Amino acid sequence: MCAPGLLLRSAVASARCGLTNALTRLAPQGLDLVEGYLPPTTRAMMLDELDGSTEKIEQLVDVGEQAEEALNVLVMLSQLLLLRGELGMDKGQFEAAHKCFSEAYTISLKISDEVAAARCKRSEGMLLLMKKDIKGSEQALDEAIRLCRNAGDGKEEVETVKLVAQLHEGRDSKFEHCCELFHHALETLQAEGDMEAVTATLLVLGQFRLRKHLADTEKDGDLEFAELEMTDLDIQGAVAYLQSQLADAGGGGGELEDELKCKLAEAQTACGTIKMLIGDQPAAEEALGQACKFYKEMGDDDGWVLASSGMVCPLSLHVSFPVYSPAQRTNALLQSIPNISNT
C-alpha cells in the first residue's frame, strides 16, 4: 500500500480507538501526503468523473491499479476529514469542523457511501446543536436519517435518532415524531438481526418516554395508562434480553459480565420507576431492589443511592405516582385498541 494509504489508515484507526493525541499528529501529515499524492486539481477531476453511481466507480477502477489506489486514498480522505472535523468540534473549532464535514460529505456522496455521508450530516447536526442552531441542526439530522434509510443501516440511523430526541427533549409537539423515528430504526435493526442494538434502543426509547411521563407529573399533567404501558413494554423488553445475556454469561465474572450488570442496573432502575407510575408497587420494589444489588456489586454509589431512594420513598424522585385499579387498567387497554369493525 502507498504511504498516504498507510498513514491515513493509521489516523482513522487512532480516531476509532480514541487516541486523540495520535490523531492530532497524524491528521495534518495525512492531509499533506494527500496533497502530494492527489493534488487539488487531480482530486477535482476525479470527483467530476464520479456521480455517486457504482457504474462510475467501476469504470475508474478498471482504468488500472494506480486509479484504484487513488480511489482508495479518496475514500480514506473522506474518513479522515470526518474524524478531524469531530476532533475539531470537541475542541470548539466549529468553523474548521464544519468545513471538514462539508468536504467529507461531498466526497462520500461522490463515492456512493451513503452511510458515511449520513454520519457527516449527523456530526454537522451535532455541531449546529452545540451552536444552538435548532433549525439547521434539525435539517441536517433529517437528511442523515434519509440517507440511513436509503442505505438500510440501522445502527447509524438509531445514533441519529438519539440526537434528534436530544434536540427535541421537552418539546411536547415533537414527542410522537421522535417515538416514530425510534420505531422505524428498531424495525431496521430487527430486520438486520442485531438484537443487542435492538435491546439498547428499546432502553433508550423507554427512558425517553419515561422522562416525558415524569415531566408531565411535575406539570400536574394527566398520565395515560396506555402510554405508560407502552413505555413499560419497551423497558421490559430490554430487561428480559439483558437478563438472558447475563444468565448465558455463566456467572464467571469478567469485563462482559460487568458491562451487562451495569446495563441491567440502569434498565431495572427505569423499570422500577415506570412500575411506580403505573401503580404496581411490588414490581417497582423488586426491580429497584435488583438495581441496588447490581449497583452495589459494581461499586456505583450514585446509582445505588438513586435506586434505593426510589424504594424507600418514591416521592424522593419528585413525582407523584397514581394508582390504577384493575378496572381502570382494563378500560384503558380496551380504549387503546382500535375498533376493527369501524376501520
C-alpha atoms as a PDB file:
ATOM      1  CA  MET A   1       0.000   0.000   0.000  1.00  0.00           C
ATOM      2  CA  CYS A   2       1.214   3.536  -0.706  1.00  0.00           C
ATOM      3  CA  ALA A   3       2.480   5.780   2.087  1.00  0.00           C
ATOM      4  CA  PRO A   4      -0.624   8.043   2.057  1.00  0.00           C
ATOM      5  CA  GLY A   5      -2.828   4.990   2.398  1.00  0.00           C
ATOM      6  CA  LEU A   6      -0.823   3.626   5.350  1.00  0.00           C
ATOM      7  CA  LEU A   7      -0.822   6.958   7.145  1.00  0.00           C
ATOM      8  CA  LEU A   8      -4.480   7.583   6.536  1.00  0.00           C
ATOM      9  CA  ARG A   9      -5.355   4.122   7.849  1.00  0.00           C
ATOM     10  CA  SER A  10      -3.267   4.809  10.952  1.00  0.00           C
ATOM     11  CA  ALA A  11      -5.087   8.098  11.525  1.00  0.00           C
ATOM     12  CA  VAL A  12      -8.506   6.514  11.088  1.00  0.00           C
ATOM     13  CA  ALA A  13      -7.564   3.647  13.423  1.00  0.00           C
ATOM     14  CA  SER A  14      -6.252   6.121  16.026  1.00  0.00           C
ATOM     15  CA  ALA A  15      -9.515   8.054  15.976  1.00  0.00           C
ATOM     16  CA  ARG A  16     -11.632   4.924  16.319  1.00  0.00           C
ATOM     17  CA  CYS A  17      -9.546   3.812  19.303  1.00  0.00           C
ATOM     18  CA  GLY A  18      -9.881   7.209  20.962  1.00  0.00           C
ATOM     19  CA  LEU A  19      -6.187   8.067  20.554  1.00  0.00           C
ATOM     20  CA  THR A  20      -6.747  11.806  20.270  1.00  0.00           C
ATOM     21  CA  ASN A  21      -3.087  12.794  20.517  1.00  0.00           C
ATOM     22  CA  ALA A  22      -2.133  10.373  17.756  1.00  0.00           C
ATOM     23  CA  LEU A  23      -4.953  11.659  15.540  1.00  0.00           C
ATOM     24  CA  THR A  24      -3.914  15.261  16.138  1.00  0.00           C
ATOM     25  CA  ARG A  25      -0.422  14.383  14.961  1.00  0.00           C
ATOM     26  CA  LEU A  26      -1.368  12.094  12.078  1.00  0.00           C
ATOM     27  CA  ALA A  27      -4.174  14.149  10.549  1.00  0.00           C
ATOM     28  CA  PRO A  28      -2.034  17.039   9.249  1.00  0.00           C
ATOM     29  CA  GLN A  29       0.597  14.593   7.994  1.00  0.00           C
ATOM     30  CA  GLY A  30      -2.076  12.579   6.216  1.00  0.00           C
ATOM     31  CA  LEU A  31      -3.569  15.630   4.571  1.00  0.00           C
ATOM     32  CA  ASP A  32      -0.128  16.817   3.467  1.00  0.00           C
ATOM     33  CA  LEU A  33       0.532  13.431   1.871  1.00  0.00           C
ATOM     34  CA  VAL A  34      -2.835  13.532   0.124  1.00  0.00           C
ATOM     35  CA  GLU A  35      -1.911  16.901  -1.353  1.00  0.00           C
ATOM     36  CA  GLY A  36       1.199  15.267  -2.789  1.00  0.00           C
ATOM     37  CA  TYR A  37      -0.490  12.081  -3.935  1.00  0.00           C
ATOM     38  CA  LEU A  38      -3.775  13.659  -5.039  1.00  0.00           C
ATOM     39  CA  PRO A  39      -3.201  17.349  -5.795  1.00  0.00           C
ATOM     40  CA  PRO A  40      -6.338  19.534  -5.690  1.00  0.00           C
ATOM     41  CA  THR A  41      -6.615  19.568  -9.486  1.00  0.00           C
ATOM     42  CA  THR A  42      -6.367  15.761  -9.748  1.00  0.00           C
ATOM     43  CA  ARG A  43      -8.822  15.314  -6.887  1.00  0.00           C
ATOM     44  CA  ALA A  44     -11.262  17.740  -8.504  1.00  0.00           C
ATOM     45  CA  MET A  45     -11.019  15.853 -11.787  1.00  0.00           C
ATOM     46  CA  MET A  46     -11.730  12.536 -10.043  1.00  0.00           C
ATOM     47  CA  LEU A  47     -14.722  13.976  -8.236  1.00  0.00           C
ATOM     48  CA  ASP A  48     -16.023  15.435 -11.500  1.00  0.00           C
ATOM     49  CA  GLU A  49     -15.879  11.968 -13.036  1.00  0.00           C
ATOM     50  CA  LEU A  50     -17.813  10.430 -10.152  1.00  0.00           C
ATOM     51  CA  ASP A  51     -21.539  10.964  -9.753  1.00  0.00           C
ATOM     52  CA  GLY A  52     -22.418   8.670  -6.855  1.00  0.00           C
ATOM     53  CA  SER A  53     -23.187   5.685  -9.057  1.00  0.00           C
ATOM     54  CA  THR A  54     -21.415   2.337  -8.762  1.00  0.00           C
ATOM     55  CA  GLU A  55     -21.009   2.309 -12.552  1.00  0.00           C
ATOM     56  CA  LYS A  56     -18.707   5.342 -12.465  1.00  0.00           C
ATOM     57  CA  ILE A  57     -16.672   3.841  -9.635  1.00  0.00           C
ATOM     58  CA  GLU A  58     -16.262   0.571 -11.548  1.00  0.00           C
ATOM     59  CA  GLN A  59     -15.143   2.471 -14.632  1.00  0.00           C
ATOM     60  CA  LEU A  60     -12.496   4.294 -12.591  1.00  0.00           C
ATOM     61  CA  VAL A  61     -11.249   1.039 -11.042  1.00  0.00           C
ATOM     62  CA  ASP A  62     -10.995  -0.539 -14.491  1.00  0.00           C
ATOM     63  CA  VAL A  63      -8.549   2.156 -15.580  1.00  0.00           C
ATOM     64  CA  GLY A  64      -5.747   0.496 -13.634  1.00  0.00           C
ATOM     65  CA  GLU A  65      -4.068  -0.114 -10.297  1.00  0.00           C
ATOM     66  CA  GLN A  66      -2.960   3.499  -9.878  1.00  0.00           C
ATOM     67  CA  ALA A  67      -6.508   4.781 -10.372  1.00  0.00           C
ATOM     68  CA  GLU A  68      -7.836   2.203  -7.907  1.00  0.00           C
ATOM     69  CA  GLU A  69      -5.253   3.240  -5.314  1.00  0.00           C
ATOM     70  CA  ALA A  70      -6.174   6.881  -5.856  1.00  0.00           C
ATOM     71  CA  LEU A  71      -9.804   5.982  -5.243  1.00  0.00           C
ATOM     72  CA  ASN A  72      -8.842   4.197  -2.007  1.00  0.00           C
ATOM     73  CA  VAL A  73      -6.995   7.289  -0.837  1.00  0.00           C
ATOM     74  CA  LEU A  74     -10.062   9.373  -1.682  1.00  0.00           C
ATOM     75  CA  VAL A  75     -12.214   7.058   0.460  1.00  0.00           C
ATOM     76  CA  MET A  76      -9.814   7.320   3.399  1.00  0.00           C
ATOM     77  CA  LEU A  77      -9.579  11.064   2.917  1.00  0.00           C
ATOM     78  CA  SER A  78     -13.328  11.388   3.459  1.00  0.00           C
ATOM     79  CA  GLN A  79     -12.992   9.357   6.674  1.00  0.00           C
ATOM     80  CA  LEU A  80     -10.059  11.436   7.866  1.00  0.00           C
ATOM     81  CA  LEU A  81     -11.847  14.709   7.162  1.00  0.00           C
ATOM     82  CA  LEU A  82     -14.870  13.498   9.119  1.00  0.00           C
ATOM     83  CA  LEU A  83     -12.782  12.374  12.079  1.00  0.00           C
ATOM     84  CA  ARG A  84     -10.707  15.543  12.030  1.00  0.00           C
ATOM     85  CA  GLY A  85     -13.927  17.551  11.991  1.00  0.00           C
ATOM     86  CA  GLU A  86     -15.229  15.661  15.019  1.00  0.00           C
ATOM     87  CA  LEU A  87     -11.942  16.291  16.816  1.00  0.00           C
ATOM     88  CA  GLY A  88     -12.174  19.988  15.968  1.00  0.00           C
ATOM     89  CA  MET A  89     -15.789  20.098  17.152  1.00  0.00           C
ATOM     90  CA  ASP A  90     -14.734  18.658  20.523  1.00  0.00           C
ATOM     91  CA  LYS A  91     -12.189  21.471  20.791  1.00  0.00           C
ATOM     92  CA  GLY A  92     -14.745  24.141  19.904  1.00  0.00           C
ATOM     93  CA  GLN A  93     -13.243  24.827  16.466  1.00  0.00           C
ATOM     94  CA  PHE A  94     -16.669  24.998  14.853  1.00  0.00           C
ATOM     95  CA  GLU A  95     -15.889  26.724  11.556  1.00  0.00           C
ATOM     96  CA  ALA A  96     -12.968  24.433  10.719  1.00  0.00           C
ATOM     97  CA  ALA A  97     -15.015  21.398  11.779  1.00  0.00           C
ATOM     98  CA  HIS A  98     -17.966  22.437   9.624  1.00  0.00           C
ATOM     99  CA  LYS A  99     -15.666  22.779   6.614  1.00  0.00           C
ATOM    100  CA  CYS A 100     -14.309  19.265   7.199  1.00  0.00           C
ATOM    101  CA  PHE A 101     -17.827  17.830   7.460  1.00  0.00           C
ATOM    102  CA  SER A 102     -18.877  19.554   4.223  1.00  0.00           C
ATOM    103  CA  GLU A 103     -15.866  18.247   2.288  1.00  0.00           C
ATOM    104  CA  ALA A 104     -16.247  14.737   3.671  1.00  0.00           C
ATOM    105  CA  TYR A 105     -19.968  14.779   2.854  1.00  0.00           C
ATOM    106  CA  THR A 106     -19.320  15.786  -0.761  1.00  0.00           C
ATOM    107  CA  ILE A 107     -16.707  13.064  -1.233  1.00  0.00           C
ATOM    108  CA  SER A 108     -18.903  10.419   0.444  1.00  0.00           C
ATOM    109  CA  LEU A 109     -21.793  11.129  -1.907  1.00  0.00           C
ATOM    110  CA  LYS A 110     -19.493  11.032  -4.927  1.00  0.00           C
ATOM    111  CA  ILE A 111     -18.091   7.620  -3.960  1.00  0.00           C
ATOM    112  CA  SER A 112     -21.587   6.255  -3.246  1.00  0.00           C
ATOM    113  CA  ASP A 113     -21.116   5.839   0.506  1.00  0.00           C
ATOM    114  CA  GLU A 114     -24.460   6.958   1.927  1.00  0.00           C
ATOM    115  CA  VAL A 115     -23.656   5.699   5.428  1.00  0.00           C
ATOM    116  CA  ALA A 116     -20.523   7.848   5.592  1.00  0.00           C
ATOM    117  CA  ALA A 117     -22.498  10.793   4.178  1.00  0.00           C
ATOM    118  CA  ALA A 118     -25.145  10.228   6.867  1.00  0.00           C
ATOM    119  CA  ARG A 119     -22.528  10.327   9.592  1.00  0.00           C
ATOM    120  CA  CYS A 120     -21.219  13.603   8.157  1.00  0.00           C
ATOM    121  CA  LYS A 121     -24.702  15.062   8.403  1.00  0.00           C
ATOM    122  CA  ARG A 122     -25.177  13.647  11.908  1.00  0.00           C
ATOM    123  CA  SER A 123     -21.933  15.282  13.023  1.00  0.00           C
ATOM    124  CA  GLU A 124     -22.996  18.521  11.356  1.00  0.00           C
ATOM    125  CA  GLY A 125     -26.309  18.310  13.193  1.00  0.00           C
ATOM    126  CA  MET A 126     -24.483  17.854  16.491  1.00  0.00           C
ATOM    127  CA  LEU A 127     -22.247  20.834  15.743  1.00  0.00           C
ATOM    128  CA  LEU A 128     -25.232  23.045  14.918  1.00  0.00           C
ATOM    129  CA  LEU A 129     -26.995  21.859  18.067  1.00  0.00           C
ATOM    130  CA  MET A 130     -23.943  22.901  20.090  1.00  0.00           C
ATOM    131  CA  LYS A 131     -24.198  26.312  18.390  1.00  0.00           C
ATOM    132  CA  LYS A 132     -27.908  26.392  19.306  1.00  0.00           C
ATOM    133  CA  ASP A 133     -28.921  26.499  15.643  1.00  0.00           C
ATOM    134  CA  ILE A 134     -32.026  24.363  16.159  1.00  0.00           C
ATOM    135  CA  LYS A 135     -33.448  24.698  12.654  1.00  0.00           C
ATOM    136  CA  GLY A 136     -30.132  23.967  10.961  1.00  0.00           C
ATOM    137  CA  SER A 137     -29.498  21.003  13.240  1.00  0.00           C
ATOM    138  CA  GLU A 138     -32.948  19.571  12.512  1.00  0.00           C
ATOM    139  CA  GLN A 139     -32.412  19.871   8.736  1.00  0.00           C
ATOM    140  CA  ALA A 140     -29.009  18.165   8.906  1.00  0.00           C
ATOM    141  CA  LEU A 141     -30.351  15.318  11.049  1.00  0.00           C
ATOM    142  CA  ASP A 142     -33.378  14.824   8.797  1.00  0.00           C
ATOM    143  CA  GLU A 143     -31.014  14.435   5.837  1.00  0.00           C
ATOM    144  CA  ALA A 144     -28.883  11.981   7.834  1.00  0.00           C
ATOM    145  CA  ILE A 145     -31.933   9.836   8.576  1.00  0.00           C
ATOM    146  CA  ARG A 146     -32.964   9.885   4.922  1.00  0.00           C
ATOM    147  CA  LEU A 147     -29.513   8.676   3.884  1.00  0.00           C
ATOM    148  CA  CYS A 148     -29.521   5.969   6.563  1.00  0.00           C
ATOM    149  CA  ARG A 149     -32.853   4.655   5.361  1.00  0.00           C
ATOM    150  CA  ASN A 150     -31.662   4.623   1.754  1.00  0.00           C
ATOM    151  CA  ALA A 151     -28.627   2.621   2.830  1.00  0.00           C
ATOM    152  CA  GLY A 152     -30.605   0.405   5.203  1.00  0.00           C
ATOM    153  CA  ASP A 153     -28.156   0.979   8.061  1.00  0.00           C
ATOM    154  CA  GLY A 154     -29.988   0.647  11.363  1.00  0.00           C
ATOM    155  CA  LYS A 155     -27.060   1.417  13.661  1.00  0.00           C
ATOM    156  CA  GLU A 156     -26.260   4.753  12.058  1.00  0.00           C
ATOM    157  CA  GLU A 157     -29.968   5.560  11.883  1.00  0.00           C
ATOM    158  CA  VAL A 158     -30.544   4.955  15.594  1.00  0.00           C
ATOM    159  CA  GLU A 159     -27.491   7.051  16.533  1.00  0.00           C
ATOM    160  CA  THR A 160     -29.018   9.890  14.536  1.00  0.00           C
ATOM    161  CA  VAL A 161     -32.448   9.362  16.085  1.00  0.00           C
ATOM    162  CA  LYS A 162     -30.886   9.623  19.560  1.00  0.00           C
ATOM    163  CA  LEU A 163     -29.563  13.041  18.605  1.00  0.00           C
ATOM    164  CA  VAL A 164     -32.966  14.081  17.231  1.00  0.00           C
ATOM    165  CA  ALA A 165     -34.525  13.030  20.555  1.00  0.00           C
ATOM    166  CA  GLN A 166     -31.929  15.115  22.384  1.00  0.00           C
ATOM    167  CA  LEU A 167     -32.714  18.053  20.096  1.00  0.00           C
ATOM    168  CA  HIS A 168     -36.435  17.853  20.848  1.00  0.00           C
ATOM    169  CA  GLU A 169     -36.232  16.866  24.532  1.00  0.00           C
ATOM    170  CA  GLY A 170     -39.020  18.611  26.428  1.00  0.00           C
ATOM    171  CA  ARG A 171     -40.929  19.696  23.304  1.00  0.00           C
ATOM    172  CA  ASP A 172     -44.319  18.028  23.594  1.00  0.00           C
ATOM    173  CA  SER A 173     -45.169  18.752  19.959  1.00  0.00           C
ATOM    174  CA  LYS A 174     -42.217  16.608  18.803  1.00  0.00           C
ATOM    175  CA  PHE A 175     -42.658  13.706  21.223  1.00  0.00           C
ATOM    176  CA  GLU A 176     -44.670  11.434  18.931  1.00  0.00           C
ATOM    177  CA  HIS A 177     -42.423  12.258  15.990  1.00  0.00           C
ATOM    178  CA  CYS A 178     -39.367  11.144  17.955  1.00  0.00           C
ATOM    179  CA  CYS A 179     -41.094   7.927  19.014  1.00  0.00           C
ATOM    180  CA  GLU A 180     -41.953   7.166  15.382  1.00  0.00           C
ATOM    181  CA  LEU A 181     -38.307   7.672  14.414  1.00  0.00           C
ATOM    182  CA  PHE A 182     -37.223   5.244  17.124  1.00  0.00           C
ATOM    183  CA  HIS A 183     -39.759   2.664  15.927  1.00  0.00           C
ATOM    184  CA  HIS A 184     -38.529   2.859  12.330  1.00  0.00           C
ATOM    185  CA  ALA A 185     -34.922   2.409  13.451  1.00  0.00           C
ATOM    186  CA  LEU A 186     -35.977  -0.553  15.588  1.00  0.00           C
ATOM    187  CA  GLU A 187     -37.639  -2.202  12.607  1.00  0.00           C
ATOM    188  CA  THR A 188     -34.422  -1.832  10.598  1.00  0.00           C
ATOM    189  CA  LEU A 189     -32.300  -3.256  13.414  1.00  0.00           C
ATOM    190  CA  GLN A 190     -34.699  -6.185  13.840  1.00  0.00           C
ATOM    191  CA  ALA A 191     -34.527  -6.902  10.102  1.00  0.00           C
ATOM    192  CA  GLU A 192     -30.734  -6.930  10.412  1.00  0.00           C
ATOM    193  CA  GLY A 193     -30.990  -9.390  13.306  1.00  0.00           C
ATOM    194  CA  ASP A 194     -28.953  -7.149  15.614  1.00  0.00           C
ATOM    195  CA  MET A 195     -30.685  -7.956  18.898  1.00  0.00           C
ATOM    196  CA  GLU A 196     -28.040  -6.265  21.013  1.00  0.00           C
ATOM    197  CA  ALA A 197     -28.676  -2.973  19.214  1.00  0.00           C
ATOM    198  CA  VAL A 198     -32.448  -3.568  19.412  1.00  0.00           C
ATOM    199  CA  THR A 199     -32.211  -4.016  23.180  1.00  0.00           C
ATOM    200  CA  ALA A 200     -30.082  -0.907  23.657  1.00  0.00           C
ATOM    201  CA  THR A 201     -32.513   1.105  21.542  1.00  0.00           C
ATOM    202  CA  LEU A 202     -35.555  -0.190  23.432  1.00  0.00           C
ATOM    203  CA  LEU A 203     -33.978   1.004  26.657  1.00  0.00           C
ATOM    204  CA  VAL A 204     -33.133   4.427  25.211  1.00  0.00           C
ATOM    205  CA  LEU A 205     -36.677   4.757  23.860  1.00  0.00           C
ATOM    206  CA  GLY A 206     -38.154   3.640  27.183  1.00  0.00           C
ATOM    207  CA  GLN A 207     -36.049   6.172  29.071  1.00  0.00           C
ATOM    208  CA  PHE A 208     -37.010   8.911  26.599  1.00  0.00           C
ATOM    209  CA  ARG A 209     -40.700   8.142  27.126  1.00  0.00           C
ATOM    210  CA  LEU A 210     -40.193   7.850  30.886  1.00  0.00           C
ATOM    211  CA  ARG A 211     -38.670  11.328  31.098  1.00  0.00           C
ATOM    212  CA  LYS A 212     -41.740  12.654  29.298  1.00  0.00           C
ATOM    213  CA  HIS A 213     -44.029  10.978  31.841  1.00  0.00           C
ATOM    214  CA  LEU A 214     -42.020  12.363  34.761  1.00  0.00           C
ATOM    215  CA  ALA A 215     -42.097  15.854  33.233  1.00  0.00           C
ATOM    216  CA  ASP A 216     -45.878  15.560  32.845  1.00  0.00           C
ATOM    217  CA  THR A 217     -46.267  14.711  36.544  1.00  0.00           C
ATOM    218  CA  GLU A 218     -44.221  17.749  37.506  1.00  0.00           C
ATOM    219  CA  LYS A 219     -46.605  19.889  35.445  1.00  0.00           C
ATOM    220  CA  ASP A 220     -49.592  18.135  37.063  1.00  0.00           C
ATOM    221  CA  GLY A 221     -50.466  16.700  33.678  1.00  0.00           C
ATOM    222  CA  ASP A 222     -52.635  13.644  33.165  1.00  0.00           C
ATOM    223  CA  LEU A 223     -50.904  10.313  32.612  1.00  0.00           C
ATOM    224  CA  GLU A 224     -52.481   7.980  30.072  1.00  0.00           C
ATOM    225  CA  PHE A 225     -52.234   4.371  31.192  1.00  0.00           C
ATOM    226  CA  ALA A 226     -51.845   3.145  27.613  1.00  0.00           C
ATOM    227  CA  GLU A 227     -48.799   5.406  27.197  1.00  0.00           C
ATOM    228  CA  LEU A 228     -47.310   4.165  30.459  1.00  0.00           C
ATOM    229  CA  GLU A 229     -47.921   0.590  29.356  1.00  0.00           C
ATOM    230  CA  MET A 230     -46.051   1.163  26.084  1.00  0.00           C
ATOM    231  CA  THR A 231     -43.095   2.588  27.987  1.00  0.00           C
ATOM    232  CA  ASP A 232     -43.197  -0.366  30.355  1.00  0.00           C
ATOM    233  CA  LEU A 233     -43.135  -2.806  27.433  1.00  0.00           C
ATOM    234  CA  ASP A 234     -40.100  -1.091  25.884  1.00  0.00           C
ATOM    235  CA  ILE A 235     -38.161  -1.217  29.138  1.00  0.00           C
ATOM    236  CA  GLN A 236     -39.292  -4.770  29.942  1.00  0.00           C
ATOM    237  CA  GLY A 237     -38.032  -5.903  26.542  1.00  0.00           C
ATOM    238  CA  ALA A 238     -34.589  -4.537  27.338  1.00  0.00           C
ATOM    239  CA  VAL A 239     -34.605  -6.030  30.845  1.00  0.00           C
ATOM    240  CA  ALA A 240     -35.594  -9.502  29.620  1.00  0.00           C
ATOM    241  CA  TYR A 241     -32.875  -9.605  26.977  1.00  0.00           C
ATOM    242  CA  LEU A 242     -30.172  -8.360  29.343  1.00  0.00           C
ATOM    243  CA  GLN A 243     -31.211 -10.911  31.955  1.00  0.00           C
ATOM    244  CA  SER A 244     -30.911 -13.722  29.422  1.00  0.00           C
ATOM    245  CA  GLN A 245     -27.493 -12.454  28.322  1.00  0.00           C
ATOM    246  CA  LEU A 246     -26.306 -12.288  31.919  1.00  0.00           C
ATOM    247  CA  ALA A 247     -27.531 -15.832  32.539  1.00  0.00           C
ATOM    248  CA  ASP A 248     -25.668 -17.028  29.438  1.00  0.00           C
ATOM    249  CA  ALA A 249     -22.500 -15.355  30.720  1.00  0.00           C
ATOM    250  CA  GLY A 250     -22.372 -18.094  33.351  1.00  0.00           C
ATOM    251  CA  GLY A 251     -21.527 -16.036  36.431  1.00  0.00           C
ATOM    252  CA  GLY A 252     -17.799 -16.344  35.894  1.00  0.00           C
ATOM    253  CA  GLY A 253     -17.143 -12.613  36.150  1.00  0.00           C
ATOM    254  CA  GLY A 254     -15.098 -10.679  33.653  1.00  0.00           C
ATOM    255  CA  GLU A 255     -15.490  -7.495  31.660  1.00  0.00           C
ATOM    256  CA  LEU A 256     -18.516  -8.698  29.647  1.00  0.00           C
ATOM    257  CA  GLU A 257     -20.437  -9.684  32.770  1.00  0.00           C
ATOM    258  CA  ASP A 258     -19.635  -6.387  34.474  1.00  0.00           C
ATOM    259  CA  GLU A 259     -20.872  -4.491  31.424  1.00  0.00           C
ATOM    260  CA  LEU A 260     -24.112  -6.494  31.405  1.00  0.00           C
ATOM    261  CA  LYS A 261     -24.672  -5.809  35.114  1.00  0.00           C
ATOM    262  CA  CYS A 262     -24.193  -2.071  34.561  1.00  0.00           C
ATOM    263  CA  LYS A 263     -26.709  -2.071  31.722  1.00  0.00           C
ATOM    264  CA  LEU A 264     -29.156  -4.203  33.686  1.00  0.00           C
ATOM    265  CA  ALA A 265     -28.911  -1.953  36.740  1.00  0.00           C
ATOM    266  CA  GLU A 266     -29.797   1.037  34.557  1.00  0.00           C
ATOM    267  CA  ALA A 267     -32.656  -0.873  32.937  1.00  0.00           C
ATOM    268  CA  GLN A 268     -34.022  -2.079  36.286  1.00  0.00           C
ATOM    269  CA  THR A 269     -33.952   1.469  37.659  1.00  0.00           C
ATOM    270  CA  ALA A 270     -36.056   2.627  34.715  1.00  0.00           C
ATOM    271  CA  CYS A 271     -38.285  -0.427  35.133  1.00  0.00           C
ATOM    272  CA  GLY A 272     -38.874   0.345  38.813  1.00  0.00           C
ATOM    273  CA  THR A 273     -39.725   3.945  38.041  1.00  0.00           C
ATOM    274  CA  ILE A 274     -42.300   3.118  35.372  1.00  0.00           C
ATOM    275  CA  LYS A 275     -43.833   0.465  37.619  1.00  0.00           C
ATOM    276  CA  MET A 276     -44.304   3.165  40.251  1.00  0.00           C
ATOM    277  CA  LEU A 277     -46.031   5.406  37.752  1.00  0.00           C
ATOM    278  CA  ILE A 278     -48.336   2.562  36.755  1.00  0.00           C
ATOM    279  CA  GLY A 279     -49.070   1.884  40.419  1.00  0.00           C
ATOM    280  CA  ASP A 280     -47.519  -1.577  40.673  1.00  0.00           C
ATOM    281  CA  GLN A 281     -45.605  -1.062  43.897  1.00  0.00           C
ATOM    282  CA  PRO A 282     -44.453  -4.691  44.432  1.00  0.00           C
ATOM    283  CA  ALA A 283     -42.978  -4.878  40.918  1.00  0.00           C
ATOM    284  CA  ALA A 284     -41.360  -1.461  41.387  1.00  0.00           C
ATOM    285  CA  GLU A 285     -39.699  -2.552  44.627  1.00  0.00           C
ATOM    286  CA  GLU A 286     -38.487  -5.780  43.054  1.00  0.00           C
ATOM    287  CA  ALA A 287     -36.939  -4.005  40.069  1.00  0.00           C
ATOM    288  CA  LEU A 288     -35.302  -1.304  42.195  1.00  0.00           C
ATOM    289  CA  GLY A 289     -34.040  -3.973  44.583  1.00  0.00           C
ATOM    290  CA  GLN A 290     -32.334  -5.739  41.678  1.00  0.00           C
ATOM    291  CA  ALA A 291     -30.879  -2.420  40.528  1.00  0.00           C
ATOM    292  CA  CYS A 292     -29.493  -1.758  44.021  1.00  0.00           C
ATOM    293  CA  LYS A 293     -27.914  -5.203  44.073  1.00  0.00           C
ATOM    294  CA  PHE A 294     -26.102  -4.653  40.769  1.00  0.00           C
ATOM    295  CA  TYR A 295     -25.062  -1.106  41.633  1.00  0.00           C
ATOM    296  CA  LYS A 296     -23.593  -2.369  44.921  1.00  0.00           C
ATOM    297  CA  GLU A 297     -21.714  -5.170  43.168  1.00  0.00           C
ATOM    298  CA  MET A 298     -20.261  -2.695  40.667  1.00  0.00           C
ATOM    299  CA  GLY A 299     -19.371  -0.151  43.343  1.00  0.00           C
ATOM    300  CA  ASP A 300     -21.618   2.510  41.807  1.00  0.00           C
ATOM    301  CA  ASP A 301     -22.617   4.540  44.860  1.00  0.00           C
ATOM    302  CA  ASP A 302     -24.542   7.188  42.904  1.00  0.00           C
ATOM    303  CA  GLY A 303     -26.633   4.538  41.138  1.00  0.00           C
ATOM    304  CA  TRP A 304     -27.281   2.738  44.408  1.00  0.00           C
ATOM    305  CA  VAL A 305     -28.472   5.954  46.075  1.00  0.00           C
ATOM    306  CA  LEU A 306     -30.838   6.679  43.170  1.00  0.00           C
ATOM    307  CA  ALA A 307     -32.363   3.202  43.146  1.00  0.00           C
ATOM    308  CA  SER A 308     -32.576   2.843  46.926  1.00  0.00           C
ATOM    309  CA  SER A 309     -34.175   6.276  47.341  1.00  0.00           C
ATOM    310  CA  GLY A 310     -36.906   5.186  44.986  1.00  0.00           C
ATOM    311  CA  MET A 311     -37.519   2.079  47.112  1.00  0.00           C
ATOM    312  CA  VAL A 312     -37.630   3.885  50.439  1.00  0.00           C
ATOM    313  CA  CYS A 313     -39.554   6.958  49.324  1.00  0.00           C
ATOM    314  CA  PRO A 314     -40.966   7.281  45.809  1.00  0.00           C
ATOM    315  CA  LEU A 315     -41.556  10.984  46.458  1.00  0.00           C
ATOM    316  CA  SER A 316     -37.792  11.447  46.542  1.00  0.00           C
ATOM    317  CA  LEU A 317     -37.979  11.304  42.752  1.00  0.00           C
ATOM    318  CA  HIS A 318     -40.111  14.485  42.918  1.00  0.00           C
ATOM    319  CA  VAL A 319     -43.100  12.889  41.233  1.00  0.00           C
ATOM    320  CA  SER A 320     -46.473  11.619  42.332  1.00  0.00           C
ATOM    321  CA  PHE A 321     -47.452   8.067  41.497  1.00  0.00           C
ATOM    322  CA  PRO A 322     -51.105   7.406  40.590  1.00  0.00           C
ATOM    323  CA  VAL A 323     -52.504   4.003  41.495  1.00  0.00           C
ATOM    324  CA  TYR A 324     -54.788   2.430  38.903  1.00  0.00           C
ATOM    325  CA  SER A 325     -57.390  -0.165  39.828  1.00  0.00           C
ATOM    326  CA  PRO A 326     -57.674  -3.358  37.734  1.00  0.00           C
ATOM    327  CA  ALA A 327     -60.850  -1.985  36.160  1.00  0.00           C
ATOM    328  CA  GLN A 328     -59.105   1.247  35.181  1.00  0.00           C
ATOM    329  CA  ARG A 329     -56.248  -0.722  33.659  1.00  0.00           C
ATOM    330  CA  THR A 330     -58.613  -2.922  31.636  1.00  0.00           C
ATOM    331  CA  ASN A 331     -60.656   0.021  30.376  1.00  0.00           C
ATOM    332  CA  ALA A 332     -57.535   1.939  29.386  1.00  0.00           C
ATOM    333  CA  LEU A 333     -56.193  -1.007  27.447  1.00  0.00           C
ATOM    334  CA  LEU A 334     -59.512  -1.559  25.686  1.00  0.00           C
ATOM    335  CA  GLN A 335     -59.670   2.105  24.700  1.00  0.00           C
ATOM    336  CA  SER A 336     -56.178   1.899  23.231  1.00  0.00           C
ATOM    337  CA  ILE A 337     -57.129  -0.959  20.870  1.00  0.00           C
ATOM    338  CA  PRO A 338     -58.568   0.201  17.508  1.00  0.00           C
ATOM    339  CA  ASN A 339     -62.136  -0.839  16.757  1.00  0.00           C
ATOM    340  CA  ILE A 340     -61.598  -3.093  13.760  1.00  0.00           C
ATOM    341  CA  SER A 341     -65.246  -3.052  12.794  1.00  0.00           C
ATOM    342  CA  ASN A 342     -65.098   0.701  12.314  1.00  0.00           C
ATOM    343  CA  THR A 343     -61.977   0.637  10.109  1.00  0.00           C
END
